[in-house]
Amino acid sequence: MKEISEQLLTVREVAGILRIDESTVYKWVDESRLSYLDFGTDKKRCLRFKQKDIVNFIDENDNGKEDNESNKLEGSGYRPAERR
């Protein structure tokens, strides 16, 4: 039997790590954007996620921009108030 050394994450934990709603995690699972394990039945899901898969997801979706306010607002139509 293979030794299990990696922690599995719940939907709630993944949502917390990514700072998104749990419904978005389910949506991304349905869209095959997130890798997962399903231990549930036909009527009830019991999803778990490998930590390394979530880290890879973050790395693959990192657009390389620094996390600062100007980048967060870029393209949003936001314009800072002009100074007088």
C-alpha atoms as a PDB file:
ATOM      1  CA  MET A   1       0.000   0.000   0.000  1.00  0.00           C
ATOM      2  CA  LYS A   2       1.276   3.449  -0.909  1.00  0.00           C
ATOM      3  CA  GLU A   3       2.125   5.743   1.995  1.00  0.00           C
ATOM      4  CA  ILE A   4       0.008   8.878   2.162  1.00  0.00           C
ATOM      5  CA  SER A   5       2.090  11.898   2.997  1.00  0.00           C
ATOM      6  CA  GLU A   6       0.143  14.684   1.360  1.00  0.00           C
ATOM      7  CA  GLN A   7      -2.712  16.472   3.084  1.00  0.00           C
ATOM      8  CA  LEU A   8      -6.018  16.598   1.244  1.00  0.00           C
ATOM      9  CA  LEU A   9      -7.989  19.833   1.319  1.00  0.00           C
ATOM     10  CA  THR A  10     -11.748  20.331   1.505  1.00  0.00           C
ATOM     11  CA  VAL A  11     -13.811  22.646  -0.688  1.00  0.00           C
ATOM     12  CA  ARG A  12     -13.971  25.119   2.209  1.00  0.00           C
ATOM     13  CA  GLU A  13     -10.195  25.066   2.669  1.00  0.00           C
ATOM     14  CA  VAL A  14      -9.539  25.573  -1.056  1.00  0.00           C
ATOM     15  CA  ALA A  15     -12.027  28.445  -1.126  1.00  0.00           C
ATOM     16  CA  GLY A  16     -10.227  30.012   1.832  1.00  0.00           C
ATOM     17  CA  ILE A  17      -6.788  29.611   0.255  1.00  0.00           C
ATOM     18  CA  LEU A  18      -7.953  31.130  -3.045  1.00  0.00           C
ATOM     19  CA  ARG A  19     -10.195  33.678  -1.297  1.00  0.00           C
ATOM     20  CA  ILE A  20     -13.204  32.746  -3.372  1.00  0.00           C
ATOM     21  CA  ASP A  21     -16.688  31.490  -2.586  1.00  0.00           C
ATOM     22  CA  GLU A  22     -17.216  27.737  -2.186  1.00  0.00           C
ATOM     23  CA  SER A  23     -19.677  27.828  -5.100  1.00  0.00           C
ATOM     24  CA  THR A  24     -16.826  29.028  -7.328  1.00  0.00           C
ATOM     25  CA  VAL A  25     -14.753  25.995  -6.332  1.00  0.00           C
ATOM     26  CA  TYR A  26     -17.639  23.729  -7.409  1.00  0.00           C
ATOM     27  CA  LYS A  27     -18.035  25.712 -10.647  1.00  0.00           C
ATOM     28  CA  TRP A  28     -14.333  25.358 -11.456  1.00  0.00           C
ATOM     29  CA  VAL A  29     -14.522  21.617 -10.705  1.00  0.00           C
ATOM     30  CA  ASP A  30     -17.474  21.311 -13.115  1.00  0.00           C
ATOM     31  CA  GLU A  31     -15.463  23.261 -15.725  1.00  0.00           C
ATOM     32  CA  SER A  32     -12.447  20.933 -15.160  1.00  0.00           C
ATOM     33  CA  ARG A  33     -10.285  23.866 -14.054  1.00  0.00           C
ATOM     34  CA  LEU A  34      -9.375  22.210 -10.729  1.00  0.00           C
ATOM     35  CA  SER A  35      -8.123  18.657 -10.223  1.00  0.00           C
ATOM     36  CA  TYR A  36      -9.961  16.810  -7.466  1.00  0.00           C
ATOM     37  CA  LEU A  37     -10.765  13.478  -5.867  1.00  0.00           C
ATOM     38  CA  ASP A  38     -14.414  12.558  -5.311  1.00  0.00           C
ATOM     39  CA  PHE A  39     -15.161  10.186  -2.430  1.00  0.00           C
ATOM     40  CA  GLY A  40     -18.902  10.787  -2.590  1.00  0.00           C
ATOM     41  CA  THR A  41     -21.824   8.906  -4.025  1.00  0.00           C
ATOM     42  CA  ASP A  42     -24.009   9.627  -7.048  1.00  0.00           C
ATOM     43  CA  LYS A  43     -26.191  11.932  -4.949  1.00  0.00           C
ATOM     44  CA  LYS A  44     -23.634  13.633  -2.729  1.00  0.00           C
ATOM     45  CA  ARG A  45     -20.204  14.974  -3.531  1.00  0.00           C
ATOM     46  CA  CYS A  46     -17.295  14.589  -1.160  1.00  0.00           C
ATOM     47  CA  LEU A  47     -14.511  16.439  -2.953  1.00  0.00           C
ATOM     48  CA  ARG A  48     -10.898  16.624  -1.823  1.00  0.00           C
ATOM     49  CA  PHE A  49      -7.973  18.419  -3.395  1.00  0.00           C
ATOM     50  CA  LYS A  50      -4.261  17.680  -3.275  1.00  0.00           C
ATOM     51  CA  GLN A  51      -2.238  20.604  -1.948  1.00  0.00           C
ATOM     52  CA  LYS A  52       0.241  20.311  -4.819  1.00  0.00           C
ATOM     53  CA  ASP A  53      -2.611  20.600  -7.353  1.00  0.00           C
ATOM     54  CA  ILE A  54      -3.826  23.815  -5.743  1.00  0.00           C
ATOM     55  CA  VAL A  55      -0.280  25.215  -5.689  1.00  0.00           C
ATOM     56  CA  ASN A  56       0.077  24.308  -9.386  1.00  0.00           C
ATOM     57  CA  PHE A  57      -3.277  25.953 -10.130  1.00  0.00           C
ATOM     58  CA  ILE A  58      -2.090  29.154  -8.453  1.00  0.00           C
ATOM     59  CA  ASP A  59       1.228  29.073 -10.349  1.00  0.00           C
ATOM     60  CA  GLU A  60      -0.485  28.432 -13.688  1.00  0.00           C
ATOM     61  CA  ASN A  61      -2.881  31.327 -13.161  1.00  0.00           C
ATOM     62  CA  ASP A  62      -0.310  33.832 -11.894  1.00  0.00           C
ATOM     63  CA  ASN A  63      -0.193  36.571 -14.482  1.00  0.00           C
ATOM     64  CA  GLY A  64       3.226  37.696 -13.241  1.00  0.00           C
ATOM     65  CA  LYS A  65       2.090  41.111 -12.067  1.00  0.00           C
ATOM     66  CA  GLU A  66       3.041  42.456  -8.690  1.00  0.00           C
ATOM     67  CA  ASP A  67       0.222  42.506  -6.187  1.00  0.00           C
ATOM     68  CA  ASN A  68      -0.268  46.251  -5.830  1.00  0.00           C
ATOM     69  CA  GLU A  69      -3.292  48.506  -6.074  1.00  0.00           C
ATOM     70  CA  SER A  70      -2.486  49.885  -9.525  1.00  0.00           C
ATOM     71  CA  ASN A  71      -2.375  46.393 -11.028  1.00  0.00           C
ATOM     72  CA  LYS A  72      -5.578  45.318  -9.262  1.00  0.00           C
ATOM     73  CA  LEU A  73      -7.414  48.272 -10.723  1.00  0.00           C
ATOM     74  CA  GLU A  74      -5.864  48.167 -14.185  1.00  0.00           C
ATOM     75  CA  GLY A  75      -8.545  47.734 -16.833  1.00  0.00           C
ATOM     76  CA  SER A  76     -11.368  48.200 -14.347  1.00  0.00           C
ATOM     77  CA  GLY A  77     -12.296  51.687 -15.492  1.00  0.00           C
ATOM     78  CA  TYR A  78     -11.202  53.062 -12.132  1.00  0.00           C
ATOM     79  CA  ARG A  79      -9.499  56.455 -12.214  1.00  0.00           C
ATOM     80  CA  PRO A  80      -7.935  57.970  -9.131  1.00  0.00           C
ATOM     81  CA  ALA A  81      -9.107  61.441  -8.192  1.00  0.00           C
ATOM     82  CA  GLU A  82      -6.960  64.242  -9.548  1.00  0.00           C
ATOM     83  CA  ARG A  83      -4.993  66.192  -6.989  1.00  0.00           C
ATOM     84  CA  ARG A  84      -5.469  69.925  -6.825  1.00  0.00           C
END
